[in-house]
Amino acid sequence: PSYADSVKGRFTISRDNAKNTVYLQMNSLKPEDTAVYYCAAGWILT
C-alpha cells in the first residue's frame, strides 16, 4: 500500500477481493482531514 505523507501512520487502506471492496480506516483524525473523499479504481498504480 501507498500513502500520502499527510496521512501516513494514521490511515490504513485494505481490500477484500472476494467482496470487490476497498476500505480506508482513518484514525487520529484531524480537522485538516475534512474533505470529500472519493474512491477510485484503475489498472495503473499511480
All heavy atoms as atom14 arrays in JSON, in Angstrom:
{
  "sequence": "PSYADSVKGRFTISRDNAKNTVYLQMNSLKPEDTAVYYCAAGWILT",
  "atom14_mask": [
    [1, 1, 1, 1, 1, 1, 1, 0, 0, 0, 0, 0, 0, 0],
    [1, 1, 1, 1, 1, 1, 0, 0, 0, 0, 0, 0, 0, 0],
    [1, 1, 1, 1, 1, 1, 1, 1, 1, 1, 1, 1, 0, 0],
    [1, 1, 1, 1, 1, 0, 0, 0, 0, 0, 0, 0, 0, 0],
    [1, 1, 1, 1, 1, 1, 1, 1, 0, 0, 0, 0, 0, 0],
    [1, 1, 1, 1, 1, 1, 0, 0, 0, 0, 0, 0, 0, 0],
    [1, 1, 1, 1, 1, 1, 1, 0, 0, 0, 0, 0, 0, 0],
    [1, 1, 1, 1, 1, 1, 1, 1, 1, 0, 0, 0, 0, 0],
    [1, 1, 1, 1, 0, 0, 0, 0, 0, 0, 0, 0, 0, 0],
    [1, 1, 1, 1, 1, 1, 1, 1, 1, 1, 1, 0, 0, 0],
    [1, 1, 1, 1, 1, 1, 1, 1, 1, 1, 1, 0, 0, 0],
    [1, 1, 1, 1, 1, 1, 1, 0, 0, 0, 0, 0, 0, 0],
    [1, 1, 1, 1, 1, 1, 1, 1, 0, 0, 0, 0, 0, 0],
    [1, 1, 1, 1, 1, 1, 0, 0, 0, 0, 0, 0, 0, 0],
    [1, 1, 1, 1, 1, 1, 1, 1, 1, 1, 1, 0, 0, 0],
    [1, 1, 1, 1, 1, 1, 1, 1, 0, 0, 0, 0, 0, 0],
    [1, 1, 1, 1, 1, 1, 1, 1, 0, 0, 0, 0, 0, 0],
    [1, 1, 1, 1, 1, 0, 0, 0, 0, 0, 0, 0, 0, 0],
    [1, 1, 1, 1, 1, 1, 1, 1, 1, 0, 0, 0, 0, 0],
    [1, 1, 1, 1, 1, 1, 1, 1, 0, 0, 0, 0, 0, 0],
    [1, 1, 1, 1, 1, 1, 1, 0, 0, 0, 0, 0, 0, 0],
    [1, 1, 1, 1, 1, 1, 1, 0, 0, 0, 0, 0, 0, 0],
    [1, 1, 1, 1, 1, 1, 1, 1, 1, 1, 1, 1, 0, 0],
    [1, 1, 1, 1, 1, 1, 1, 1, 0, 0, 0, 0, 0, 0],
    [1, 1, 1, 1, 1, 1, 1, 1, 1, 0, 0, 0, 0, 0],
    [1, 1, 1, 1, 1, 1, 1, 1, 0, 0, 0, 0, 0, 0],
    [1, 1, 1, 1, 1, 1, 1, 1, 0, 0, 0, 0, 0, 0],
    [1, 1, 1, 1, 1, 1, 0, 0, 0, 0, 0, 0, 0, 0],
    [1, 1, 1, 1, 1, 1, 1, 1, 0, 0, 0, 0, 0, 0],
    [1, 1, 1, 1, 1, 1, 1, 1, 1, 0, 0, 0, 0, 0],
    [1, 1, 1, 1, 1, 1, 1, 0, 0, 0, 0, 0, 0, 0],
    [1, 1, 1, 1, 1, 1, 1, 1, 1, 0, 0, 0, 0, 0],
    [1, 1, 1, 1, 1, 1, 1, 1, 0, 0, 0, 0, 0, 0],
    [1, 1, 1, 1, 1, 1, 1, 0, 0, 0, 0, 0, 0, 0],
    [1, 1, 1, 1, 1, 0, 0, 0, 0, 0, 0, 0, 0, 0],
    [1, 1, 1, 1, 1, 1, 1, 0, 0, 0, 0, 0, 0, 0],
    [1, 1, 1, 1, 1, 1, 1, 1, 1, 1, 1, 1, 0, 0],
    [1, 1, 1, 1, 1, 1, 1, 1, 1, 1, 1, 1, 0, 0],
    [1, 1, 1, 1, 1, 1, 0, 0, 0, 0, 0, 0, 0, 0],
    [1, 1, 1, 1, 1, 0, 0, 0, 0, 0, 0, 0, 0, 0],
    [1, 1, 1, 1, 1, 0, 0, 0, 0, 0, 0, 0, 0, 0],
    [1, 1, 1, 1, 0, 0, 0, 0, 0, 0, 0, 0, 0, 0],
    [1, 1, 1, 1, 1, 1, 1, 1, 1, 1, 1, 1, 1, 1],
    [1, 1, 1, 1, 1, 1, 1, 1, 0, 0, 0, 0, 0, 0],
    [1, 1, 1, 1, 1, 1, 1, 1, 0, 0, 0, 0, 0, 0],
    [1, 1, 1, 1, 1, 1, 1, 0, 0, 0, 0, 0, 0, 0]
  ],
  "atom14_positions": [
    [[0.82, -1.21, 0.0], [0.0, 0.0, 0.0], [0.85, 1.26, 0.0], [1.97, 1.27, 0.52], [-0.81, -0.12, 1.29], [0.02, -1.0, 2.17], [0.69, -1.96, 1.25], [0.0, 0.0, 0.0], [0.0, 0.0, 0.0], [0.0, 0.0, 0.0], [0.0, 0.0, 0.0], [0.0, 0.0, 0.0], [0.0, 0.0, 0.0], [0.0, 0.0, 0.0]],
    [[0.31, 2.32, -0.57], [1.0, 3.59, -0.68], [0.15, 4.67, -0.02], [-1.07, 4.67, -0.16], [1.24, 3.93, -2.15], [1.89, 5.18, -2.28], [0.0, 0.0, 0.0], [0.0, 0.0, 0.0], [0.0, 0.0, 0.0], [0.0, 0.0, 0.0], [0.0, 0.0, 0.0], [0.0, 0.0, 0.0], [0.0, 0.0, 0.0], [0.0, 0.0, 0.0]],
    [[0.82, 5.61, 0.69], [0.11, 6.65, 1.42], [0.73, 8.02, 1.18], [1.95, 8.14, 1.0], [0.14, 6.38, 2.92], [-0.51, 5.09, 3.34], [0.25, 3.93, 3.5], [-1.88, 5.02, 3.57], [-0.35, 2.74, 3.88], [-2.48, 3.84, 3.95], [-1.71, 2.7, 4.11], [-2.3, 1.53, 4.49], [0.0, 0.0, 0.0], [0.0, 0.0, 0.0]],
    [[-0.11, 9.03, 1.2], [0.38, 10.38, 1.22], [1.04, 10.66, 2.57], [0.65, 10.1, 3.6], [-0.76, 11.37, 1.0], [0.0, 0.0, 0.0], [0.0, 0.0, 0.0], [0.0, 0.0, 0.0], [0.0, 0.0, 0.0], [0.0, 0.0, 0.0], [0.0, 0.0, 0.0], [0.0, 0.0, 0.0], [0.0, 0.0, 0.0], [0.0, 0.0, 0.0]],
    [[2.05, 11.53, 2.56], [2.76, 11.84, 3.8], [1.82, 12.39, 4.88], [2.03, 12.16, 6.07], [3.88, 12.83, 3.53], [5.03, 12.23, 2.76], [5.15, 10.98, 2.74], [5.83, 12.99, 2.18], [0.0, 0.0, 0.0], [0.0, 0.0, 0.0], [0.0, 0.0, 0.0], [0.0, 0.0, 0.0], [0.0, 0.0, 0.0], [0.0, 0.0, 0.0]],
    [[0.8, 13.1, 4.46], [-0.1, 13.73, 5.41], [-0.94, 12.75, 6.22], [-1.46, 13.11, 7.27], [-1.02, 14.72, 4.68], [-1.79, 14.06, 3.7], [0.0, 0.0, 0.0], [0.0, 0.0, 0.0], [0.0, 0.0, 0.0], [0.0, 0.0, 0.0], [0.0, 0.0, 0.0], [0.0, 0.0, 0.0], [0.0, 0.0, 0.0], [0.0, 0.0, 0.0]],
    [[-1.08, 11.52, 5.72], [-1.92, 10.53, 6.4], [-1.15, 9.31, 6.85], [-1.72, 8.45, 7.55], [-3.11, 10.1, 5.52], [-3.9, 11.31, 5.06], [-2.64, 9.27, 4.33], [0.0, 0.0, 0.0], [0.0, 0.0, 0.0], [0.0, 0.0, 0.0], [0.0, 0.0, 0.0], [0.0, 0.0, 0.0], [0.0, 0.0, 0.0], [0.0, 0.0, 0.0]],
    [[0.09, 9.19, 6.47], [0.88, 8.01, 6.79], [0.99, 7.84, 8.31], [1.27, 8.77, 9.05], [2.28, 8.13, 6.18], [3.04, 6.83, 6.12], [4.3, 6.97, 5.28], [5.0, 5.64, 5.09], [6.2, 5.77, 4.21], [0.0, 0.0, 0.0], [0.0, 0.0, 0.0], [0.0, 0.0, 0.0], [0.0, 0.0, 0.0], [0.0, 0.0, 0.0]],
    [[0.74, 6.62, 8.75], [0.75, 6.32, 10.17], [-0.6, 6.47, 10.83], [-0.77, 6.0, 11.97], [0.0, 0.0, 0.0], [0.0, 0.0, 0.0], [0.0, 0.0, 0.0], [0.0, 0.0, 0.0], [0.0, 0.0, 0.0], [0.0, 0.0, 0.0], [0.0, 0.0, 0.0], [0.0, 0.0, 0.0], [0.0, 0.0, 0.0], [0.0, 0.0, 0.0]],
    [[-1.55, 7.12, 10.17], [-2.88, 7.31, 10.72], [-3.96, 6.58, 9.93], [-4.93, 6.09, 10.51], [-3.23, 8.8, 10.77], [-2.29, 9.63, 11.63], [-2.77, 11.07, 11.77], [-2.83, 11.75, 10.47], [-3.94, 12.23, 9.92], [-5.11, 12.11, 10.55], [-3.9, 12.85, 8.75], [0.0, 0.0, 0.0], [0.0, 0.0, 0.0], [0.0, 0.0, 0.0]],
    [[-3.79, 6.52, 8.62], [-4.78, 5.86, 7.76], [-4.25, 4.52, 7.29], [-3.05, 4.33, 7.1], [-5.07, 6.72, 6.52], [-5.83, 7.98, 6.79], [-6.04, 8.45, 8.07], [-6.35, 8.71, 5.73], [-6.74, 9.63, 8.31], [-7.04, 9.88, 5.95], [-7.24, 10.34, 7.24], [0.0, 0.0, 0.0], [0.0, 0.0, 0.0], [0.0, 0.0, 0.0]],
    [[-5.16, 3.58, 7.06], [-4.81, 2.27, 6.54], [-5.77, 1.9, 5.42], [-6.98, 1.93, 5.61], [-4.87, 1.19, 7.63], [-3.98, 1.53, 8.69], [-4.47, -0.16, 7.06], [0.0, 0.0, 0.0], [0.0, 0.0, 0.0], [0.0, 0.0, 0.0], [0.0, 0.0, 0.0], [0.0, 0.0, 0.0], [0.0, 0.0, 0.0], [0.0, 0.0, 0.0]],
    [[-5.21, 1.56, 4.27], [-6.01, 1.09, 3.15], [-5.91, -0.43, 3.08], [-4.84, -1.0, 3.29], [-5.58, 1.74, 1.82], [-6.55, 1.38, 0.7], [-4.15, 1.37, 1.46], [-6.31, 2.15, -0.6], [0.0, 0.0, 0.0], [0.0, 0.0, 0.0], [0.0, 0.0, 0.0], [0.0, 0.0, 0.0], [0.0, 0.0, 0.0], [0.0, 0.0, 0.0]],
    [[-7.02, -1.08, 2.8], [-7.04, -2.53, 2.66], [-8.1, -2.91, 1.65], [-8.92, -2.08, 1.24], [-7.32, -3.21, 4.02], [-8.58, -2.82, 4.53], [0.0, 0.0, 0.0], [0.0, 0.0, 0.0], [0.0, 0.0, 0.0], [0.0, 0.0, 0.0], [0.0, 0.0, 0.0], [0.0, 0.0, 0.0], [0.0, 0.0, 0.0], [0.0, 0.0, 0.0]],
    [[-8.09, -4.16, 1.23], [-9.08, -4.6, 0.26], [-9.49, -6.04, 0.53], [-8.73, -6.84, 1.08], [-8.55, -4.45, -1.17], [-7.37, -5.34, -1.52], [-6.79, -4.96, -2.88], [-7.75, -5.12, -3.95], [-7.62, -4.61, -5.18], [-6.55, -3.87, -5.47], [-8.56, -4.83, -6.09], [0.0, 0.0, 0.0], [0.0, 0.0, 0.0], [0.0, 0.0, 0.0]],
    [[-10.7, -6.35, 0.11], [-11.25, -7.69, 0.19], [-11.68, -8.04, -1.23], [-12.76, -7.62, -1.67], [-12.41, -7.75, 1.17], [-12.96, -9.15, 1.35], [-12.69, -10.02, 0.51], [-13.67, -9.38, 2.35], [0.0, 0.0, 0.0], [0.0, 0.0, 0.0], [0.0, 0.0, 0.0], [0.0, 0.0, 0.0], [0.0, 0.0, 0.0], [0.0, 0.0, 0.0]],
    [[-10.85, -8.78, -1.93], [-11.13, -9.07, -3.33], [-12.35, -9.97, -3.51], [-13.01, -9.91, -4.54], [-9.91, -9.71, -3.99], [-8.79, -8.71, -4.2], [-9.02, -7.51, -4.26], [-7.57, -9.21, -4.32], [0.0, 0.0, 0.0], [0.0, 0.0, 0.0], [0.0, 0.0, 0.0], [0.0, 0.0, 0.0], [0.0, 0.0, 0.0], [0.0, 0.0, 0.0]],
    [[-12.64, -10.8, -2.51], [-13.83, -11.63, -2.59], [-15.1, -10.79, -2.63], [-16.11, -11.19, -3.21], [-13.88, -12.6, -1.42], [0.0, 0.0, 0.0], [0.0, 0.0, 0.0], [0.0, 0.0, 0.0], [0.0, 0.0, 0.0], [0.0, 0.0, 0.0], [0.0, 0.0, 0.0], [0.0, 0.0, 0.0], [0.0, 0.0, 0.0], [0.0, 0.0, 0.0]],
    [[-15.05, -9.61, -2.02], [-16.18, -8.7, -2.0], [-16.02, -7.54, -2.97], [-16.9, -6.68, -3.04], [-16.39, -8.14, -0.59], [-16.71, -9.19, 0.46], [-16.89, -8.54, 1.83], [-17.23, -9.57, 2.89], [-17.4, -8.95, 4.23], [0.0, 0.0, 0.0], [0.0, 0.0, 0.0], [0.0, 0.0, 0.0], [0.0, 0.0, 0.0], [0.0, 0.0, 0.0]],
    [[-14.9, -7.5, -3.69], [-14.59, -6.38, -4.59], [-14.72, -5.04, -3.87], [-15.29, -4.08, -4.39], [-15.5, -6.41, -5.82], [-15.18, -7.55, -6.77], [-14.05, -8.02, -6.84], [-16.18, -7.99, -7.51], [0.0, 0.0, 0.0], [0.0, 0.0, 0.0], [0.0, 0.0, 0.0], [0.0, 0.0, 0.0], [0.0, 0.0, 0.0], [0.0, 0.0, 0.0]],
    [[-14.15, -4.98, -2.69], [-14.31, -3.82, -1.83], [-12.96, -3.34, -1.3], [-12.11, -4.15, -0.94], [-15.24, -4.14, -0.65], [-16.52, -4.54, -1.15], [-15.41, -2.94, 0.26], [0.0, 0.0, 0.0], [0.0, 0.0, 0.0], [0.0, 0.0, 0.0], [0.0, 0.0, 0.0], [0.0, 0.0, 0.0], [0.0, 0.0, 0.0], [0.0, 0.0, 0.0]],
    [[-12.79, -2.03, -1.27], [-11.62, -1.41, -0.67], [-12.07, -0.59, 0.53], [-13.16, -0.02, 0.53], [-10.85, -0.54, -1.69], [-11.71, 0.64, -2.15], [-9.53, -0.06, -1.1], [0.0, 0.0, 0.0], [0.0, 0.0, 0.0], [0.0, 0.0, 0.0], [0.0, 0.0, 0.0], [0.0, 0.0, 0.0], [0.0, 0.0, 0.0], [0.0, 0.0, 0.0]],
    [[-11.22, -0.53, 1.55], [-11.54, 0.17, 2.79], [-10.49, 1.23, 3.08], [-9.33, 1.12, 2.68], [-11.6, -0.81, 3.96], [-12.57, -1.95, 3.78], [-12.15, -3.16, 3.23], [-13.9, -1.82, 4.15], [-13.04, -4.2, 3.06], [-14.8, -2.86, 3.98], [-14.36, -4.06, 3.44], [-15.24, -5.1, 3.27], [0.0, 0.0, 0.0], [0.0, 0.0, 0.0]],
    [[-10.91, 2.24, 3.8], [-9.99, 3.24, 4.33], [-10.3, 3.43, 5.8], [-11.34, 4.0, 6.15], [-10.11, 4.57, 3.58], [-9.09, 5.63, 3.99], [-7.68, 5.22, 3.57], [-9.44, 6.99, 3.38], [0.0, 0.0, 0.0], [0.0, 0.0, 0.0], [0.0, 0.0, 0.0], [0.0, 0.0, 0.0], [0.0, 0.0, 0.0], [0.0, 0.0, 0.0]],
    [[-9.41, 2.93, 6.65], [-9.54, 3.1, 8.08], [-8.8, 4.37, 8.47], [-7.59, 4.47, 8.28], [-8.97, 1.9, 8.83], [-9.02, 2.02, 10.35], [-10.42, 2.04, 10.89], [-11.24, 1.21, 10.51], [-10.73, 2.99, 11.77], [0.0, 0.0, 0.0], [0.0, 0.0, 0.0], [0.0, 0.0, 0.0], [0.0, 0.0, 0.0], [0.0, 0.0, 0.0]],
    [[-9.51, 5.34, 9.02], [-8.94, 6.63, 9.37], [-8.93, 6.77, 10.89], [-9.98, 6.81, 11.52], [-9.74, 7.76, 8.72], [-9.8, 7.66, 7.2], [-10.72, 9.04, 6.44], [-12.39, 8.6, 6.96], [0.0, 0.0, 0.0], [0.0, 0.0, 0.0], [0.0, 0.0, 0.0], [0.0, 0.0, 0.0], [0.0, 0.0, 0.0], [0.0, 0.0, 0.0]],
    [[-7.74, 6.85, 11.45], [-7.56, 7.02, 12.88], [-6.89, 8.36, 13.17], [-6.29, 8.98, 12.29], [-6.71, 5.89, 13.45], [-7.35, 4.53, 13.3], [-8.57, 4.39, 13.35], [-6.52, 3.5, 13.13], [0.0, 0.0, 0.0], [0.0, 0.0, 0.0], [0.0, 0.0, 0.0], [0.0, 0.0, 0.0], [0.0, 0.0, 0.0], [0.0, 0.0, 0.0]],
    [[-6.97, 8.79, 14.42], [-6.36, 10.04, 14.85], [-6.71, 11.18, 13.91], [-5.84, 11.95, 13.48], [-4.84, 9.88, 14.97], [-4.5, 8.86, 15.88], [0.0, 0.0, 0.0], [0.0, 0.0, 0.0], [0.0, 0.0, 0.0], [0.0, 0.0, 0.0], [0.0, 0.0, 0.0], [0.0, 0.0, 0.0], [0.0, 0.0, 0.0], [0.0, 0.0, 0.0]],
    [[-7.97, 11.31, 13.6], [-8.41, 12.29, 12.62], [-8.15, 13.72, 13.09], [-8.27, 14.03, 14.28], [-9.89, 12.1, 12.31], [-10.19, 10.93, 11.37], [-11.66, 10.54, 11.45], [-9.82, 11.29, 9.94], [0.0, 0.0, 0.0], [0.0, 0.0, 0.0], [0.0, 0.0, 0.0], [0.0, 0.0, 0.0], [0.0, 0.0, 0.0], [0.0, 0.0, 0.0]],
    [[-7.81, 14.57, 12.13], [-7.53, 15.97, 12.37], [-8.51, 16.83, 11.58], [-9.04, 16.39, 10.56], [-6.1, 16.31, 11.94], [-5.02, 15.46, 12.58], [-3.65, 15.81, 12.0], [-2.56, 14.96, 12.61], [-1.23, 15.28, 12.02], [0.0, 0.0, 0.0], [0.0, 0.0, 0.0], [0.0, 0.0, 0.0], [0.0, 0.0, 0.0], [0.0, 0.0, 0.0]],
    [[-8.73, 18.07, 12.01], [-9.6, 18.95, 11.21], [-9.12, 19.11, 9.77], [-9.95, 19.3, 8.87], [-9.52, 20.28, 11.97], [-9.26, 19.88, 13.38], [-8.36, 18.69, 13.29], [0.0, 0.0, 0.0], [0.0, 0.0, 0.0], [0.0, 0.0, 0.0], [0.0, 0.0, 0.0], [0.0, 0.0, 0.0], [0.0, 0.0, 0.0], [0.0, 0.0, 0.0]],
    [[-7.82, 19.02, 9.54], [-7.28, 19.12, 8.19], [-7.69, 17.96, 7.29], [-7.53, 18.04, 6.07], [-5.74, 19.19, 8.23], [-5.19, 20.29, 9.13], [-4.97, 19.8, 10.55], [-3.88, 19.25, 10.82], [-5.87, 19.99, 11.39], [0.0, 0.0, 0.0], [0.0, 0.0, 0.0], [0.0, 0.0, 0.0], [0.0, 0.0, 0.0], [0.0, 0.0, 0.0]],
    [[-8.21, 16.89, 7.87], [-8.69, 15.76, 7.08], [-10.09, 15.99, 6.51], [-10.57, 15.17, 5.73], [-8.7, 14.48, 7.93], [-7.32, 14.07, 8.38], [-6.37, 14.13, 7.56], [-7.17, 13.67, 9.56], [0.0, 0.0, 0.0], [0.0, 0.0, 0.0], [0.0, 0.0, 0.0], [0.0, 0.0, 0.0], [0.0, 0.0, 0.0], [0.0, 0.0, 0.0]],
    [[-10.73, 17.06, 6.91], [-12.07, 17.36, 6.42], [-12.04, 17.55, 4.91], [-11.29, 18.37, 4.39], [-12.62, 18.62, 7.09], [-12.77, 18.39, 8.49], [-13.97, 19.0, 6.51], [0.0, 0.0, 0.0], [0.0, 0.0, 0.0], [0.0, 0.0, 0.0], [0.0, 0.0, 0.0], [0.0, 0.0, 0.0], [0.0, 0.0, 0.0], [0.0, 0.0, 0.0]],
    [[-12.86, 16.78, 4.2], [-12.88, 16.82, 2.74], [-13.97, 15.89, 2.23], [-14.55, 15.13, 2.99], [-11.52, 16.4, 2.17], [0.0, 0.0, 0.0], [0.0, 0.0, 0.0], [0.0, 0.0, 0.0], [0.0, 0.0, 0.0], [0.0, 0.0, 0.0], [0.0, 0.0, 0.0], [0.0, 0.0, 0.0], [0.0, 0.0, 0.0], [0.0, 0.0, 0.0]],
    [[-14.2, 15.96, 0.93], [-14.99, 14.95, 0.26], [-14.03, 13.85, -0.19], [-13.05, 14.13, -0.89], [-15.75, 15.52, -0.95], [-16.48, 14.4, -1.7], [-16.74, 16.58, -0.49], [0.0, 0.0, 0.0], [0.0, 0.0, 0.0], [0.0, 0.0, 0.0], [0.0, 0.0, 0.0], [0.0, 0.0, 0.0], [0.0, 0.0, 0.0], [0.0, 0.0, 0.0]],
    [[-14.31, 12.64, 0.2], [-13.44, 11.51, -0.11], [-14.01, 10.71, -1.27], [-15.19, 10.37, -1.29], [-13.28, 10.61, 1.12], [-12.33, 11.18, 2.14], [-12.68, 12.29, 2.9], [-11.06, 10.62, 2.31], [-11.79, 12.83, 3.81], [-10.17, 11.15, 3.23], [-10.55, 12.26, 3.98], [-9.66, 12.78, 4.88], [0.0, 0.0, 0.0], [0.0, 0.0, 0.0]],
    [[-13.14, 10.42, -2.23], [-13.52, 9.71, -3.44], [-12.75, 8.4, -3.56], [-11.53, 8.37, -3.4], [-13.23, 10.54, -4.69], [-14.03, 11.8, -4.81], [-13.55, 13.0, -4.31], [-15.26, 11.8, -5.45], [-14.28, 14.17, -4.42], [-16.0, 12.96, -5.57], [-15.5, 14.14, -5.05], [-16.22, 15.3, -5.17], [0.0, 0.0, 0.0], [0.0, 0.0, 0.0]],
    [[-13.46, 7.35, -3.84], [-12.85, 6.07, -4.19], [-12.54, 6.06, -5.68], [-13.3, 6.62, -6.48], [-13.81, 4.94, -3.84], [-13.29, 3.3, -4.35], [0.0, 0.0, 0.0], [0.0, 0.0, 0.0], [0.0, 0.0, 0.0], [0.0, 0.0, 0.0], [0.0, 0.0, 0.0], [0.0, 0.0, 0.0], [0.0, 0.0, 0.0], [0.0, 0.0, 0.0]],
    [[-11.42, 5.45, -6.05], [-11.02, 5.36, -7.44], [-10.5, 3.97, -7.75], [-9.98, 3.27, -6.88], [-9.94, 6.4, -7.77], [0.0, 0.0, 0.0], [0.0, 0.0, 0.0], [0.0, 0.0, 0.0], [0.0, 0.0, 0.0], [0.0, 0.0, 0.0], [0.0, 0.0, 0.0], [0.0, 0.0, 0.0], [0.0, 0.0, 0.0], [0.0, 0.0, 0.0]],
    [[-10.62, 3.57, -9.02], [-10.15, 2.26, -9.45], [-9.57, 2.36, -10.85], [-10.02, 3.17, -11.66], [-11.28, 1.24, -9.41], [0.0, 0.0, 0.0], [0.0, 0.0, 0.0], [0.0, 0.0, 0.0], [0.0, 0.0, 0.0], [0.0, 0.0, 0.0], [0.0, 0.0, 0.0], [0.0, 0.0, 0.0], [0.0, 0.0, 0.0], [0.0, 0.0, 0.0]],
    [[-8.58, 1.53, -11.13], [-7.97, 1.52, -12.44], [-6.98, 0.39, -12.59], [-6.97, -0.55, -11.8], [0.0, 0.0, 0.0], [0.0, 0.0, 0.0], [0.0, 0.0, 0.0], [0.0, 0.0, 0.0], [0.0, 0.0, 0.0], [0.0, 0.0, 0.0], [0.0, 0.0, 0.0], [0.0, 0.0, 0.0], [0.0, 0.0, 0.0], [0.0, 0.0, 0.0]],
    [[-6.16, 0.52, -13.62], [-5.22, -0.54, -13.97], [-3.77, -0.18, -13.7], [-2.91, -1.05, -13.74], [-5.4, -0.9, -15.44], [-6.82, -1.12, -15.82], [-7.59, -0.33, -16.61], [-7.67, -2.2, -15.37], [-8.86, -0.84, -16.71], [-8.94, -1.99, -15.96], [-7.48, -3.3, -14.55], [-10.01, -2.86, -15.74], [-8.54, -4.16, -14.32], [-9.79, -3.93, -14.92]],
    [[-3.5, 1.1, -13.42], [-2.15, 1.58, -13.2], [-2.03, 2.13, -11.78], [-2.85, 2.94, -11.35], [-1.77, 2.67, -14.21], [-1.98, 2.17, -15.64], [-0.34, 3.13, -14.0], [-1.1, 1.0, -16.01], [0.0, 0.0, 0.0], [0.0, 0.0, 0.0], [0.0, 0.0, 0.0], [0.0, 0.0, 0.0], [0.0, 0.0, 0.0], [0.0, 0.0, 0.0]],
    [[-1.0, 1.7, -11.08], [-0.75, 2.2, -9.72], [-0.11, 3.58, -9.83], [1.02, 3.73, -10.29], [0.16, 1.24, -8.96], [0.45, 1.61, -7.51], [-0.83, 1.59, -6.69], [1.49, 0.67, -6.92], [0.0, 0.0, 0.0], [0.0, 0.0, 0.0], [0.0, 0.0, 0.0], [0.0, 0.0, 0.0], [0.0, 0.0, 0.0], [0.0, 0.0, 0.0]],
    [[-0.84, 4.6, -9.38], [-0.37, 5.97, -9.52], [-1.04, 6.85, -8.47], [-2.12, 6.54, -7.99], [-0.67, 6.51, -10.93], [-0.31, 7.89, -11.01], [-2.16, 6.38, -11.25], [0.0, 0.0, 0.0], [0.0, 0.0, 0.0], [0.0, 0.0, 0.0], [0.0, 0.0, 0.0], [0.0, 0.0, 0.0], [0.0, 0.0, 0.0], [0.0, 0.0, 0.0]]
  ]
}
